[in-house]
Amino acid sequence: VVTSVVYPNAGNSDIFTGLNKGNNTTHNGGEARGYFITDDGGNGDEETRVRSNTSNSSILSTTAIKTSRVFTYILLGGAIVEVMDTSGTTPPTPVPGGASTLTVGGDAVGLNDTTPIYQGDGLRCYFGAGDRTTATLTRLLVQRFE
């Protein structure tokens, strides 16, 4: 749960958030898969993209800035990462593959591979604010479904 989001540097302020494996806690290393949000240039909107460790997708949407939001990450089979980004501070019910759920991706999984990519080396969650963005990470919730 993230509150008090402010993008002071038009067109450059950003948020990185996602999952990684092993000892990697950044968006630029390992098997990082997540969400990248940036101010759209000072027009009161933000641009959203999905991100792997060193590259972003094209712009997926341009929407009004969410000053409070919940990022919900869903890990499928220990290998595929999905994300939901909702307004407010109440965590939604996770909806794998739902209309408001984006598939961020995952590392290559070989045929008949039974080793979960992210669970095999430990799972990490990261959140970062760049270029003078301010935000408060108020809660980190983890649920396991079997």
C-alpha atoms as a PDB file:
ATOM      1  CA  VAL A   1       0.000   0.000   0.000  1.00  0.00           C
ATOM      2  CA  VAL A   2       1.513   3.306  -1.121  1.00  0.00           C
ATOM      3  CA  THR A   3       0.271   6.742  -0.065  1.00  0.00           C
ATOM      4  CA  SER A   4       1.211  10.401  -0.551  1.00  0.00           C
ATOM      5  CA  VAL A   5       2.571   9.962  -4.098  1.00  0.00           C
ATOM      6  CA  VAL A   6       3.964  13.234  -5.501  1.00  0.00           C
ATOM      7  CA  TYR A   7       5.851  13.642  -8.794  1.00  0.00           C
ATOM      8  CA  PRO A   8       7.725  16.983  -8.478  1.00  0.00           C
ATOM      9  CA  ASN A   9       9.885  16.706 -11.620  1.00  0.00           C
ATOM     10  CA  ALA A  10       7.539  16.793 -14.622  1.00  0.00           C
ATOM     11  CA  GLY A  11       8.259  14.041 -17.118  1.00  0.00           C
ATOM     12  CA  ASN A  12      11.018  12.458 -15.037  1.00  0.00           C
ATOM     13  CA  SER A  13       9.691  11.494 -11.605  1.00  0.00           C
ATOM     14  CA  ASP A  14       8.926   7.799 -11.348  1.00  0.00           C
ATOM     15  CA  ILE A  15       8.085   4.736  -9.284  1.00  0.00           C
ATOM     16  CA  PHE A  16       9.551   1.248  -9.737  1.00  0.00           C
ATOM     17  CA  THR A  17       7.948  -1.699  -7.991  1.00  0.00           C
ATOM     18  CA  GLY A  18       7.956  -5.433  -8.504  1.00  0.00           C
ATOM     19  CA  LEU A  19       9.328  -8.846  -7.661  1.00  0.00           C
ATOM     20  CA  ASN A  20      12.827 -10.239  -8.003  1.00  0.00           C
ATOM     21  CA  LYS A  21      14.591 -13.426  -6.948  1.00  0.00           C
ATOM     22  CA  GLY A  22      17.617 -14.330  -4.872  1.00  0.00           C
ATOM     23  CA  ASN A  23      19.508 -11.430  -3.315  1.00  0.00           C
ATOM     24  CA  ASN A  24      18.400  -8.923  -5.967  1.00  0.00           C
ATOM     25  CA  THR A  25      16.270  -6.142  -4.515  1.00  0.00           C
ATOM     26  CA  THR A  26      16.454  -3.707  -7.446  1.00  0.00           C
ATOM     27  CA  HIS A  27      14.592  -3.196 -10.700  1.00  0.00           C
ATOM     28  CA  ASN A  28      17.803  -3.428 -12.770  1.00  0.00           C
ATOM     29  CA  GLY A  29      19.169  -6.847 -11.881  1.00  0.00           C
ATOM     30  CA  GLY A  30      18.407 -10.533 -11.667  1.00  0.00           C
ATOM     31  CA  GLU A  31      14.929 -11.555 -12.803  1.00  0.00           C
ATOM     32  CA  ALA A  32      13.136  -8.319 -11.895  1.00  0.00           C
ATOM     33  CA  ARG A  33       9.573  -8.119 -13.179  1.00  0.00           C
ATOM     34  CA  GLY A  34       7.370  -5.222 -12.223  1.00  0.00           C
ATOM     35  CA  TYR A  35       5.627  -1.978 -12.863  1.00  0.00           C
ATOM     36  CA  PHE A  36       7.149   1.361 -13.919  1.00  0.00           C
ATOM     37  CA  ILE A  37       5.145   4.558 -13.522  1.00  0.00           C
ATOM     38  CA  THR A  38       6.293   8.035 -14.520  1.00  0.00           C
ATOM     39  CA  ASP A  39       4.855  11.526 -14.548  1.00  0.00           C
ATOM     40  CA  ASP A  40       3.603  12.302 -18.065  1.00  0.00           C
ATOM     41  CA  GLY A  41       5.168  15.761 -18.228  1.00  0.00           C
ATOM     42  CA  GLY A  42       3.318  17.757 -15.606  1.00  0.00           C
ATOM     43  CA  ASN A  43      -0.203  17.432 -17.014  1.00  0.00           C
ATOM     44  CA  GLY A  44      -1.583  15.737 -13.894  1.00  0.00           C
ATOM     45  CA  ASP A  45      -1.388  12.274 -15.418  1.00  0.00           C
ATOM     46  CA  GLU A  46       0.976   9.323 -15.134  1.00  0.00           C
ATOM     47  CA  GLU A  47       2.181   6.815 -17.705  1.00  0.00           C
ATOM     48  CA  THR A  48       2.328   3.133 -16.836  1.00  0.00           C
ATOM     49  CA  ARG A  49       4.539   0.419 -18.271  1.00  0.00           C
ATOM     50  CA  VAL A  50       5.582  -3.081 -17.273  1.00  0.00           C
ATOM     51  CA  ARG A  51       9.289  -3.657 -16.732  1.00  0.00           C
ATOM     52  CA  SER A  52      11.829  -6.446 -16.803  1.00  0.00           C
ATOM     53  CA  ASN A  53      15.252  -6.009 -15.234  1.00  0.00           C
ATOM     54  CA  THR A  54      16.614  -3.420 -17.695  1.00  0.00           C
ATOM     55  CA  SER A  55      13.837  -2.495 -20.103  1.00  0.00           C
ATOM     56  CA  ASN A  56      10.311  -1.091 -20.144  1.00  0.00           C
ATOM     57  CA  SER A  57       7.371  -1.883 -22.368  1.00  0.00           C
ATOM     58  CA  SER A  58       5.743   0.830 -24.420  1.00  0.00           C
ATOM     59  CA  ILE A  59       3.200   2.992 -22.582  1.00  0.00           C
ATOM     60  CA  LEU A  60       0.250   0.822 -21.564  1.00  0.00           C
ATOM     61  CA  SER A  61      -1.945   3.633 -20.297  1.00  0.00           C
ATOM     62  CA  THR A  62      -2.023   7.295 -19.339  1.00  0.00           C
ATOM     63  CA  THR A  63      -4.304   7.958 -16.390  1.00  0.00           C
ATOM     64  CA  ALA A  64      -4.860  10.496 -13.631  1.00  0.00           C
ATOM     65  CA  ILE A  65      -2.192  10.308 -10.927  1.00  0.00           C
ATOM     66  CA  LYS A  66      -3.108   7.924  -8.119  1.00  0.00           C
ATOM     67  CA  THR A  67      -1.877   9.554  -4.916  1.00  0.00           C
ATOM     68  CA  SER A  68      -2.803   6.435  -2.926  1.00  0.00           C
ATOM     69  CA  ARG A  69      -2.626   2.988  -4.475  1.00  0.00           C
ATOM     70  CA  VAL A  70      -2.228  -0.711  -3.874  1.00  0.00           C
ATOM     71  CA  PHE A  71       0.130  -2.811  -5.981  1.00  0.00           C
ATOM     72  CA  THR A  72      -0.949  -6.453  -5.873  1.00  0.00           C
ATOM     73  CA  TYR A  73       1.598  -8.926  -7.221  1.00  0.00           C
ATOM     74  CA  ILE A  74       0.493 -12.435  -8.126  1.00  0.00           C
ATOM     75  CA  LEU A  75       3.098 -15.147  -8.668  1.00  0.00           C
ATOM     76  CA  LEU A  76       1.783 -18.060 -10.730  1.00  0.00           C
ATOM     77  CA  GLY A  77       3.543 -21.403 -10.473  1.00  0.00           C
ATOM     78  CA  GLY A  78       6.615 -19.686  -9.067  1.00  0.00           C
ATOM     79  CA  ALA A  79       7.457 -18.427 -12.566  1.00  0.00           C
ATOM     80  CA  ILE A  80       4.953 -15.908 -13.990  1.00  0.00           C
ATOM     81  CA  VAL A  81       4.459 -12.469 -12.402  1.00  0.00           C
ATOM     82  CA  GLU A  82       1.200 -10.518 -12.701  1.00  0.00           C
ATOM     83  CA  VAL A  83       0.290  -7.150 -11.162  1.00  0.00           C
ATOM     84  CA  MET A  84      -2.851  -5.234 -10.260  1.00  0.00           C
ATOM     85  CA  ASP A  85      -2.643  -1.457  -9.599  1.00  0.00           C
ATOM     86  CA  THR A  86      -5.715  -0.096  -7.804  1.00  0.00           C
ATOM     87  CA  SER A  87      -6.598   3.301  -6.323  1.00  0.00           C
ATOM     88  CA  GLY A  88      -7.047   3.813  -2.601  1.00  0.00           C
ATOM     89  CA  THR A  89      -5.614   1.878   0.330  1.00  0.00           C
ATOM     90  CA  THR A  90      -7.813  -1.232   0.485  1.00  0.00           C
ATOM     91  CA  PRO A  91      -6.158  -4.309  -1.000  1.00  0.00           C
ATOM     92  CA  PRO A  92      -8.349  -5.872  -3.703  1.00  0.00           C
ATOM     93  CA  THR A  93      -9.146  -9.542  -4.071  1.00  0.00           C
ATOM     94  CA  PRO A  94      -6.370 -10.922  -6.307  1.00  0.00           C
ATOM     95  CA  VAL A  95      -7.680 -11.880  -9.761  1.00  0.00           C
ATOM     96  CA  PRO A  96      -5.080 -13.910 -11.684  1.00  0.00           C
ATOM     97  CA  GLY A  97      -5.610 -13.325 -15.397  1.00  0.00           C
ATOM     98  CA  GLY A  98      -8.400 -10.821 -14.731  1.00  0.00           C
ATOM     99  CA  ALA A  99      -9.288  -7.830 -16.902  1.00  0.00           C
ATOM    100  CA  SER A 100      -7.472  -5.425 -14.543  1.00  0.00           C
ATOM    101  CA  THR A 101      -4.458  -7.729 -14.086  1.00  0.00           C
ATOM    102  CA  LEU A 102      -1.350  -7.285 -16.238  1.00  0.00           C
ATOM    103  CA  THR A 103       1.075 -10.087 -16.984  1.00  0.00           C
ATOM    104  CA  VAL A 104       4.521  -8.682 -16.286  1.00  0.00           C
ATOM    105  CA  GLY A 105       6.329 -11.802 -17.445  1.00  0.00           C
ATOM    106  CA  GLY A 106       8.825 -14.273 -16.149  1.00  0.00           C
ATOM    107  CA  ASP A 107      12.118 -15.891 -16.962  1.00  0.00           C
ATOM    108  CA  ALA A 108      12.222 -18.698 -19.522  1.00  0.00           C
ATOM    109  CA  VAL A 109      10.906 -21.993 -18.195  1.00  0.00           C
ATOM    110  CA  GLY A 110      12.164 -25.103 -19.965  1.00  0.00           C
ATOM    111  CA  LEU A 111      10.056 -28.076 -20.981  1.00  0.00           C
ATOM    112  CA  ASN A 112       9.204 -30.311 -18.033  1.00  0.00           C
ATOM    113  CA  ASP A 113      10.996 -27.891 -15.672  1.00  0.00           C
ATOM    114  CA  THR A 114       9.638 -28.282 -12.156  1.00  0.00           C
ATOM    115  CA  THR A 115      11.888 -25.700 -10.474  1.00  0.00           C
ATOM    116  CA  PRO A 116       9.953 -22.534  -9.596  1.00  0.00           C
ATOM    117  CA  ILE A 117      12.102 -19.653 -10.907  1.00  0.00           C
ATOM    118  CA  TYR A 118      11.291 -17.151  -8.164  1.00  0.00           C
ATOM    119  CA  GLN A 119      10.778 -19.466  -5.200  1.00  0.00           C
ATOM    120  CA  GLY A 120      13.920 -21.511  -5.824  1.00  0.00           C
ATOM    121  CA  ASP A 121      16.351 -18.746  -4.762  1.00  0.00           C
ATOM    122  CA  GLY A 122      14.106 -16.691  -2.491  1.00  0.00           C
ATOM    123  CA  LEU A 123      11.540 -14.082  -3.441  1.00  0.00           C
ATOM    124  CA  ARG A 124      12.142 -10.338  -3.041  1.00  0.00           C
ATOM    125  CA  CYS A 125       9.781  -7.400  -3.373  1.00  0.00           C
ATOM    126  CA  TYR A 126      11.128  -3.968  -4.281  1.00  0.00           C
ATOM    127  CA  PHE A 127       9.701  -0.450  -4.261  1.00  0.00           C
ATOM    128  CA  GLY A 128      11.582   2.663  -5.286  1.00  0.00           C
ATOM    129  CA  ALA A 129      10.848   6.280  -6.063  1.00  0.00           C
ATOM    130  CA  GLY A 130      13.154   8.105  -8.470  1.00  0.00           C
ATOM    131  CA  ASP A 131      14.017  11.656  -9.499  1.00  0.00           C
ATOM    132  CA  ARG A 132      12.631  13.368  -6.384  1.00  0.00           C
ATOM    133  CA  THR A 133       9.359  11.413  -6.320  1.00  0.00           C
ATOM    134  CA  THR A 134       8.032  11.164  -2.793  1.00  0.00           C
ATOM    135  CA  ALA A 135       5.783   8.374  -1.574  1.00  0.00           C
ATOM    136  CA  THR A 136       5.178   6.421   1.602  1.00  0.00           C
ATOM    137  CA  LEU A 137       5.130   2.627   1.586  1.00  0.00           C
ATOM    138  CA  THR A 138       2.687   1.980   4.431  1.00  0.00           C
ATOM    139  CA  ARG A 139       2.070  -1.771   4.245  1.00  0.00           C
ATOM    140  CA  LEU A 140       3.513  -4.855   2.631  1.00  0.00           C
ATOM    141  CA  LEU A 141       1.139  -7.812   2.739  1.00  0.00           C
ATOM    142  CA  VAL A 142       2.032 -11.354   1.714  1.00  0.00           C
ATOM    143  CA  GLN A 143      -0.537 -14.090   1.173  1.00  0.00           C
ATOM    144  CA  ARG A 144       0.120 -17.648   0.124  1.00  0.00           C
ATOM    145  CA  PHE A 145      -2.479 -19.664  -1.721  1.00  0.00           C
ATOM    146  CA  GLU A 146      -2.220 -23.420  -2.152  1.00  0.00           C
END
